[in-house]
Amino acid sequence: MRENRRMNVLHLFSNSKWTGPAEPALNLCVALRRQGVEVAFACAPGSGASINKVAETARDRGIEPVLAFRLNKHHNPLTNALDRVALRRYLQAHPFDLLHCHLDNDHRIAAPVARSLGIPLIRSNYYGGGLPAGRAQTRLLATATHVIEPSHMAAAHDTRAHGLEPSRVTVVPGAVDTERFHPGRDVPDGRRWLKIPPDAFVVGIVARMQTHRHYEDFFEAIRKLVDRHSHARVIVVGRGTRREEVGLEPVRRLGLENYVHFPGYLDGENYVGMLKAFDVKVFLVPGSDGTCRAVRESMAMRKPAIVADRGMLREIVEHEKNGLVCEGSAESLFHALARLAEDRRLLHQLGQAARDTAATHYSLESQATAVRAIYERVLARGM
């Protein structure tokens, strides 16, 4: 009987690249294992000439990935058909209670196999505003036993746009490793690396250098801020094909060369150390990671966030409780930044509340507990 053994769940991830959902999917698997769920993680075996970072990171975190399927990122009738054959054989040889899909193509591959074998299929959504509308997406979601949504906004959109029954949908907020992103950890000193004075008011932004990320509003606000507070400094973490256009050129034009630092893309401990160097984090629009994980990471580091009222950002940051929400214009962003630059007590209060929120609501443990409860409900109901 299943009651006498641990739940056994196969997670499918149709990519080998370190895309936005990759780390959340892997972190969830690790946290579920800690809670007693038997988890296997399958991803694409190849990544061309580059390192398969998804597979290698899984190994680093104690999970030997299943590489028995192609799991291409994009739909391909031939390779998807071959994967269905391979998946069916694998499931017949290695029985699982549930399949958990994270991306569209692994869902396409798994759905007919899960239906024919009578295995419930769970689908995670990583679009903060809901999955794209369209018949193909609606048909795909209809094959999921249960859909895990990252926000109430996404849940409302998908129940409306794709006809999902509310009983088949659960909101589980995105999570971060609150131990890794802990303000008390000894990490590289980002301020010292960039030669930023210890008493500077440091504004950080973590976003790809792309035109839709509203960098123009950000730098206009910074120009106003440094005119009032010459001790303000800015750290821009990220890379992108539009770095010159959206970053370097506006900084030169606005005369901000002495105030803005571009350390580029950072990972590992250097990334955590740079977050620790911030006083406040700015986030203006959701990017490739629609769940806005970078906001939760800074909150876990006891850094309040100033966010624009776009997408699901208002669901993460509560205005004047653990951060500030503004309309997103240069003027509104400037006023929010100036307020925190001039009121260090408020800055500290919001930062502590941000850490408390992350530790309570956005931890991997709380996410895994919620997902495990979904598994148990689905299995209790049966198909």
Protein backbone atom coordinates (compact mmCIF):
# COMPACT_ATOMS: atom_id res chain seq x y z
CA MET A 1 0.00 0.00 0.00
CA ARG A 2 1.20 3.52 -0.78
CA GLU A 3 0.39 4.63 2.79
CA ASN A 4 3.26 2.45 4.03
CA ARG A 5 5.92 4.06 1.90
CA ARG A 6 7.15 7.49 0.89
CA MET A 7 5.65 9.39 -2.03
CA ASN A 8 7.64 8.89 -5.22
CA VAL A 9 7.58 11.82 -7.67
CA LEU A 10 9.32 12.29 -11.02
CA HIS A 11 10.02 15.92 -11.93
CA LEU A 12 10.51 16.72 -15.62
CA PHE A 13 12.40 19.78 -16.86
CA SER A 14 12.70 20.18 -20.64
CA ASN A 15 15.88 22.21 -20.82
CA SER A 16 19.60 21.97 -20.10
CA LYS A 17 20.14 25.72 -19.84
CA TRP A 18 20.03 27.69 -16.62
CA THR A 19 16.75 29.43 -17.45
CA GLY A 20 14.59 31.33 -14.97
CA PRO A 21 12.63 28.28 -13.69
CA ALA A 22 15.68 25.98 -13.45
CA GLU A 23 16.86 26.91 -9.97
CA PRO A 24 13.35 27.08 -8.45
CA ALA A 25 12.56 23.63 -9.85
CA LEU A 26 15.78 22.15 -8.48
CA ASN A 27 15.44 23.88 -5.12
CA LEU A 28 11.94 22.49 -4.77
CA CYS A 29 13.21 18.96 -5.42
CA VAL A 30 15.93 19.34 -2.79
CA ALA A 31 13.46 20.72 -0.22
CA LEU A 32 10.92 17.97 -0.93
CA ARG A 33 13.61 15.35 -0.35
CA ARG A 34 14.34 16.91 3.03
CA GLN A 35 10.65 16.46 3.86
CA GLY A 36 10.68 12.77 3.04
CA VAL A 37 9.41 12.75 -0.54
CA GLU A 38 11.27 10.45 -2.93
CA VAL A 39 12.12 12.78 -5.82
CA ALA A 40 13.76 12.07 -9.17
CA PHE A 41 14.68 14.93 -11.50
CA ALA A 42 14.86 14.47 -15.28
CA CYS A 43 16.32 17.13 -17.58
CA ALA A 44 17.74 17.37 -21.08
CA PRO A 45 21.02 15.42 -21.36
CA GLY A 46 22.85 17.70 -23.80
CA SER A 47 23.59 21.40 -24.15
CA GLY A 48 25.71 21.56 -27.29
CA ALA A 49 29.26 22.66 -26.64
CA SER A 50 28.44 24.33 -23.33
CA ILE A 51 28.18 22.78 -19.88
CA ASN A 52 24.84 21.27 -18.95
CA LYS A 53 24.42 23.55 -15.97
CA VAL A 54 21.04 22.12 -14.97
CA ALA A 55 22.43 18.58 -14.69
CA GLU A 56 25.66 19.71 -13.04
CA THR A 57 23.86 21.88 -10.51
CA ALA A 58 21.51 19.01 -9.70
CA ARG A 59 24.55 16.85 -8.91
CA ASP A 60 26.05 19.63 -6.81
CA ARG A 61 22.85 19.66 -4.76
CA GLY A 62 22.81 15.93 -4.23
CA ILE A 63 20.46 14.82 -7.01
CA GLU A 64 21.77 12.58 -9.77
CA PRO A 65 19.66 13.69 -12.76
CA VAL A 66 17.75 11.28 -14.95
CA LEU A 67 19.13 11.78 -18.48
CA ALA A 68 17.10 9.09 -20.25
CA PHE A 69 15.04 11.48 -22.38
CA ARG A 70 15.77 14.22 -24.92
CA LEU A 71 13.47 16.74 -23.23
CA ASN A 72 14.00 19.45 -25.83
CA LYS A 73 12.97 22.96 -24.87
CA HIS A 74 10.80 23.35 -27.98
CA HIS A 75 8.14 21.09 -29.40
CA ASN A 76 9.38 18.64 -32.03
CA PRO A 77 6.93 15.95 -33.20
CA LEU A 78 9.61 13.31 -33.76
CA THR A 79 11.69 13.76 -30.61
CA ASN A 80 8.58 14.25 -28.48
CA ALA A 81 7.18 10.96 -29.79
CA LEU A 82 10.47 9.19 -29.03
CA ASP A 83 10.47 10.70 -25.53
CA ARG A 84 6.95 9.42 -24.90
CA VAL A 85 8.04 5.90 -25.76
CA ALA A 86 11.10 6.22 -23.53
CA LEU A 87 9.09 7.78 -20.69
CA ARG A 88 6.48 5.02 -20.80
CA ARG A 89 9.19 2.34 -20.57
CA TYR A 90 10.92 4.22 -17.76
CA LEU A 91 7.72 4.54 -15.74
CA GLN A 92 6.90 0.88 -16.23
CA ALA A 93 10.35 -0.02 -14.89
CA HIS A 94 10.39 2.67 -12.18
CA PRO A 95 6.88 3.25 -10.79
CA PHE A 96 6.05 6.77 -9.62
CA ASP A 97 3.02 8.09 -7.76
CA LEU A 98 3.08 11.46 -9.52
CA LEU A 99 4.65 13.32 -12.43
CA HIS A 100 5.52 16.99 -11.87
CA CYS A 101 6.08 19.09 -15.01
CA HIS A 102 7.73 22.51 -15.02
CA LEU A 103 7.73 23.66 -18.67
CA ASP A 104 5.41 23.40 -21.65
CA ASN A 105 7.32 20.80 -23.63
CA ASP A 106 7.91 18.37 -20.79
CA HIS A 107 4.17 18.72 -20.09
CA ARG A 108 3.37 17.91 -23.75
CA ILE A 109 5.58 14.84 -23.59
CA ALA A 110 4.28 13.57 -20.26
CA ALA A 111 0.54 14.22 -20.57
CA PRO A 112 -0.51 11.29 -22.80
CA VAL A 113 1.81 8.90 -20.97
CA ALA A 114 0.48 9.96 -17.57
CA ARG A 115 -3.12 9.59 -18.76
CA SER A 116 -2.58 6.12 -20.22
CA LEU A 117 -0.79 4.87 -17.10
CA GLY A 118 -3.19 6.52 -14.67
CA ILE A 119 -0.54 8.72 -13.04
CA PRO A 120 -1.63 12.19 -11.81
CA LEU A 121 0.25 15.08 -13.41
CA ILE A 122 1.12 18.28 -11.53
CA ARG A 123 2.10 21.40 -13.47
CA SER A 124 4.03 24.37 -12.09
CA ASN A 125 3.58 27.76 -13.72
CA TYR A 126 6.39 30.33 -13.65
CA TYR A 127 4.51 33.18 -15.34
CA GLY A 128 3.66 35.67 -12.61
CA GLY A 129 0.70 37.06 -14.54
CA GLY A 130 -0.56 33.71 -15.80
CA LEU A 131 0.26 31.40 -18.69
CA PRO A 132 -0.14 32.81 -22.22
CA ALA A 133 -3.67 32.72 -23.59
CA GLY A 134 -4.42 30.46 -26.54
CA ARG A 135 -6.12 27.22 -27.45
CA ALA A 136 -2.93 25.15 -27.38
CA GLN A 137 -2.14 26.28 -23.84
CA THR A 138 -5.73 25.67 -22.74
CA ARG A 139 -5.69 22.14 -24.15
CA LEU A 140 -2.37 21.45 -22.44
CA LEU A 141 -3.53 22.70 -19.05
CA ALA A 142 -6.67 20.56 -19.33
CA THR A 143 -4.41 17.49 -19.05
CA ALA A 144 -3.00 18.57 -15.66
CA THR A 145 -4.51 17.08 -12.54
CA HIS A 146 -3.46 20.17 -10.59
CA VAL A 147 -1.77 23.49 -11.44
CA ILE A 148 0.56 25.29 -9.02
CA GLU A 149 0.44 29.06 -9.53
CA PRO A 150 3.03 31.61 -8.32
CA SER A 151 0.53 34.38 -7.59
CA HIS A 152 -3.14 35.13 -7.12
CA MET A 153 -2.91 37.20 -10.29
CA ALA A 154 -1.74 34.14 -12.24
CA ALA A 155 -4.40 31.92 -10.68
CA ALA A 156 -7.17 34.37 -11.58
CA HIS A 157 -5.87 34.71 -15.13
CA ASP A 158 -5.56 30.98 -15.74
CA THR A 159 -8.92 30.07 -14.27
CA ARG A 160 -10.48 32.71 -16.51
CA ALA A 161 -8.41 32.35 -19.70
CA HIS A 162 -8.01 28.57 -19.66
CA GLY A 163 -11.18 27.46 -17.91
CA LEU A 164 -9.41 25.81 -14.98
CA GLU A 165 -11.62 24.80 -12.10
CA PRO A 166 -10.57 26.64 -8.94
CA SER A 167 -10.34 23.30 -7.11
CA ARG A 168 -7.53 22.30 -9.52
CA VAL A 169 -5.47 25.41 -8.80
CA THR A 170 -3.34 26.32 -5.77
CA VAL A 171 -1.21 29.43 -5.24
CA VAL A 172 2.22 28.60 -3.83
CA PRO A 173 4.54 31.65 -3.67
CA GLY A 174 8.00 31.38 -5.14
CA ALA A 175 10.76 30.51 -2.70
CA VAL A 176 14.43 31.25 -2.10
CA ASP A 177 17.14 29.59 -0.06
CA THR A 178 16.89 31.74 3.05
CA GLU A 179 20.02 30.13 4.50
CA ARG A 180 22.13 30.98 1.47
CA PHE A 181 20.58 34.45 1.34
CA HIS A 182 21.12 35.25 5.01
CA PRO A 183 22.40 38.68 6.06
CA GLY A 184 24.62 37.18 8.75
CA ARG A 185 26.67 34.99 6.43
CA ASP A 186 30.32 35.75 5.68
CA VAL A 187 30.38 36.53 1.95
CA PRO A 188 32.61 38.58 -0.38
CA ASP A 189 32.47 42.30 0.36
CA GLY A 190 30.81 43.91 -2.66
CA ARG A 191 31.39 47.45 -1.45
CA ARG A 192 35.09 46.90 -0.95
CA TRP A 193 35.40 45.27 -4.39
CA LEU A 194 33.77 48.31 -6.05
CA LYS A 195 35.50 50.80 -3.72
CA ILE A 196 32.20 52.17 -2.44
CA PRO A 197 32.47 54.14 0.84
CA PRO A 198 31.02 52.32 3.86
CA ASP A 199 28.64 55.20 4.62
CA ALA A 200 27.22 55.46 1.07
CA PHE A 201 23.52 54.93 0.42
CA VAL A 202 23.64 52.09 -2.11
CA VAL A 203 20.82 51.41 -4.55
CA GLY A 204 20.97 48.04 -6.29
CA ILE A 205 19.20 46.69 -9.32
CA VAL A 206 19.44 43.15 -10.68
CA ALA A 207 18.05 42.89 -14.20
CA ARG A 208 19.11 42.02 -17.72
CA MET A 209 20.20 45.02 -19.76
CA GLN A 210 17.19 45.14 -22.06
CA THR A 211 15.00 48.02 -23.24
CA HIS A 212 11.79 46.76 -21.60
CA ARG A 213 13.32 46.79 -18.09
CA HIS A 214 12.70 50.56 -17.67
CA TYR A 215 16.34 51.50 -17.12
CA GLU A 216 15.59 54.94 -18.55
CA ASP A 217 13.25 55.67 -15.63
CA PHE A 218 15.73 54.19 -13.19
CA PHE A 219 18.66 56.40 -14.26
CA GLU A 220 16.50 59.54 -14.40
CA ALA A 221 15.49 58.85 -10.80
CA ILE A 222 19.13 58.29 -9.83
CA ARG A 223 20.14 61.61 -11.38
CA LYS A 224 17.59 63.37 -9.16
CA LEU A 225 18.71 61.34 -6.15
CA VAL A 226 22.42 62.18 -6.42
CA ASP A 227 21.57 65.84 -6.93
CA ARG A 228 20.03 65.74 -3.47
CA HIS A 229 22.26 63.08 -1.87
CA SER A 230 25.79 63.07 -3.21
CA HIS A 231 26.66 60.03 -1.09
CA ALA A 232 24.27 57.83 -3.09
CA ARG A 233 25.80 55.06 -5.22
CA VAL A 234 24.30 52.53 -7.62
CA ILE A 235 25.19 48.91 -8.43
CA VAL A 236 23.76 47.41 -11.62
CA VAL A 237 24.02 43.62 -11.61
CA GLY A 238 23.30 41.97 -14.94
CA ARG A 239 24.29 41.67 -18.56
CA GLY A 240 22.51 41.84 -21.87
CA THR A 241 22.80 42.67 -25.53
CA ARG A 242 21.62 46.26 -24.92
CA ARG A 243 24.17 47.11 -22.22
CA GLU A 244 25.58 50.11 -24.10
CA GLU A 245 22.18 51.45 -25.13
CA VAL A 246 20.28 51.08 -21.87
CA GLY A 247 23.15 51.35 -19.37
CA LEU A 248 26.46 52.91 -20.32
CA GLU A 249 25.18 55.60 -22.68
CA PRO A 250 22.49 57.00 -20.34
CA VAL A 251 24.96 57.04 -17.45
CA ARG A 252 27.41 59.10 -19.54
CA ARG A 253 24.68 61.40 -20.82
CA LEU A 254 23.35 62.07 -17.31
CA GLY A 255 26.83 62.54 -15.84
CA LEU A 256 26.53 59.58 -13.48
CA GLU A 257 29.88 57.90 -14.22
CA ASN A 258 31.14 58.48 -10.67
CA TYR A 259 27.99 57.12 -9.07
CA VAL A 260 27.07 53.97 -11.02
CA HIS A 261 28.96 50.66 -10.98
CA PHE A 262 28.49 47.85 -13.53
CA PRO A 263 29.96 44.63 -12.10
CA GLY A 264 28.12 42.62 -14.77
CA TYR A 265 26.68 39.14 -14.30
CA LEU A 266 27.51 37.57 -10.95
CA ASP A 267 26.78 34.15 -9.49
CA GLY A 268 27.65 32.06 -6.47
CA GLU A 269 28.97 33.82 -3.39
CA ASN A 270 29.92 36.93 -5.37
CA TYR A 271 26.24 37.47 -6.18
CA VAL A 272 25.19 37.06 -2.55
CA GLY A 273 27.94 39.40 -1.45
CA MET A 274 26.81 42.04 -3.91
CA LEU A 275 23.24 41.85 -2.62
CA LYS A 276 24.63 42.39 0.87
CA ALA A 277 26.28 45.59 -0.39
CA PHE A 278 22.88 47.12 -1.20
CA ASP A 279 20.86 49.33 1.13
CA VAL A 280 17.77 49.00 -1.04
CA LYS A 281 16.81 46.94 -4.08
CA VAL A 282 14.87 48.36 -7.06
CA PHE A 283 12.73 46.15 -9.29
CA LEU A 284 10.65 47.81 -11.99
CA VAL A 285 9.24 45.07 -14.20
CA PRO A 286 9.16 41.24 -14.18
CA GLY A 287 11.65 39.73 -16.61
CA SER A 288 12.44 36.22 -17.82
CA ASP A 289 11.70 34.95 -14.32
CA GLY A 290 8.09 36.01 -14.05
CA THR A 291 7.98 35.02 -10.38
CA CYS A 292 10.48 37.82 -9.57
CA ARG A 293 12.78 35.65 -7.47
CA ALA A 294 15.40 38.40 -7.29
CA VAL A 295 13.06 40.48 -5.13
CA ARG A 296 12.68 37.66 -2.62
CA GLU A 297 16.45 37.12 -2.56
CA SER A 298 17.09 40.72 -1.54
CA MET A 299 14.29 40.56 1.02
CA ALA A 300 15.92 37.49 2.55
CA MET A 301 19.14 39.55 2.81
CA ARG A 302 17.23 42.11 4.92
CA LYS A 303 17.12 44.61 2.06
CA PRO A 304 13.80 46.36 1.46
CA ALA A 305 12.67 46.53 -2.14
CA ILE A 306 11.19 49.44 -4.03
CA VAL A 307 9.03 47.95 -6.76
CA ALA A 308 6.80 49.30 -9.48
CA ASP A 309 3.15 48.36 -9.37
CA ARG A 310 3.49 45.98 -12.32
CA GLY A 311 2.70 42.31 -12.67
CA MET A 312 2.73 40.35 -9.42
CA LEU A 313 5.20 42.63 -7.63
CA ARG A 314 2.53 44.03 -5.30
CA GLU A 315 1.86 40.47 -4.09
CA ILE A 316 5.50 40.12 -3.00
CA VAL A 317 6.11 43.56 -1.45
CA GLU A 318 3.58 45.12 0.93
CA HIS A 319 3.74 48.88 0.71
CA GLU A 320 5.23 50.48 3.85
CA LYS A 321 5.37 47.08 5.60
CA ASN A 322 8.39 45.36 4.04
CA GLY A 323 9.18 47.70 1.17
CA LEU A 324 7.70 50.42 -0.99
CA VAL A 325 5.46 50.20 -4.05
CA CYS A 326 5.47 53.10 -6.52
CA GLU A 327 3.79 53.73 -9.83
CA GLY A 328 7.07 53.08 -11.69
CA SER A 329 7.75 56.52 -13.16
CA ALA A 330 11.11 58.22 -12.67
CA GLU A 331 9.51 60.79 -10.37
CA SER A 332 7.75 58.24 -8.15
CA LEU A 333 10.91 56.13 -7.94
CA PHE A 334 12.99 59.15 -6.97
CA HIS A 335 10.62 60.06 -4.14
CA ALA A 336 10.69 56.50 -2.79
CA LEU A 337 14.49 56.37 -2.91
CA ALA A 338 14.89 59.79 -1.33
CA ARG A 339 12.54 58.81 1.46
CA LEU A 340 14.72 55.85 2.45
CA ALA A 341 17.97 57.75 1.95
CA GLU A 342 16.72 60.35 4.43
CA ASP A 343 15.15 57.99 6.96
CA ARG A 344 17.58 55.25 7.96
CA ARG A 345 15.27 54.12 10.76
CA LEU A 346 12.51 53.38 8.23
CA LEU A 347 15.08 51.70 6.00
CA HIS A 348 16.05 49.39 8.86
CA GLN A 349 12.44 48.66 9.84
CA LEU A 350 11.42 47.75 6.31
CA GLY A 351 14.55 45.64 5.89
CA GLN A 352 13.88 43.62 9.04
CA ALA A 353 10.27 43.11 8.00
CA ALA A 354 11.46 41.99 4.55
CA ARG A 355 13.71 39.35 6.14
CA ASP A 356 10.89 38.18 8.41
CA THR A 357 8.55 37.86 5.42
CA ALA A 358 11.09 35.89 3.41
CA ALA A 359 11.87 33.55 6.30
CA THR A 360 8.19 32.96 7.05
CA HIS A 361 6.51 32.92 3.63
CA TYR A 362 9.21 32.55 0.98
CA SER A 363 11.44 29.83 2.40
CA LEU A 364 12.07 26.56 0.57
CA GLU A 365 10.64 24.68 3.52
CA SER A 366 7.31 26.52 3.43
CA GLN A 367 7.09 26.01 -0.33
CA ALA A 368 7.89 22.30 -0.07
CA THR A 369 5.31 21.88 2.71
CA ALA A 370 2.64 23.45 0.50
CA VAL A 371 3.59 21.35 -2.54
CA ARG A 372 3.72 18.15 -0.52
CA ALA A 373 0.21 18.92 0.75
CA ILE A 374 -0.96 19.25 -2.87
CA TYR A 375 0.58 15.87 -3.68
CA GLU A 376 -1.22 14.29 -0.73
CA ARG A 377 -4.58 15.79 -1.70
CA VAL A 378 -4.24 14.68 -5.31
CA LEU A 379 -3.31 11.15 -4.31
CA ALA A 380 -6.11 11.00 -1.74
CA ARG A 381 -8.67 11.97 -4.39
CA GLY A 382 -7.22 9.69 -7.04
CA MET A 383 -7.62 10.54 -10.70
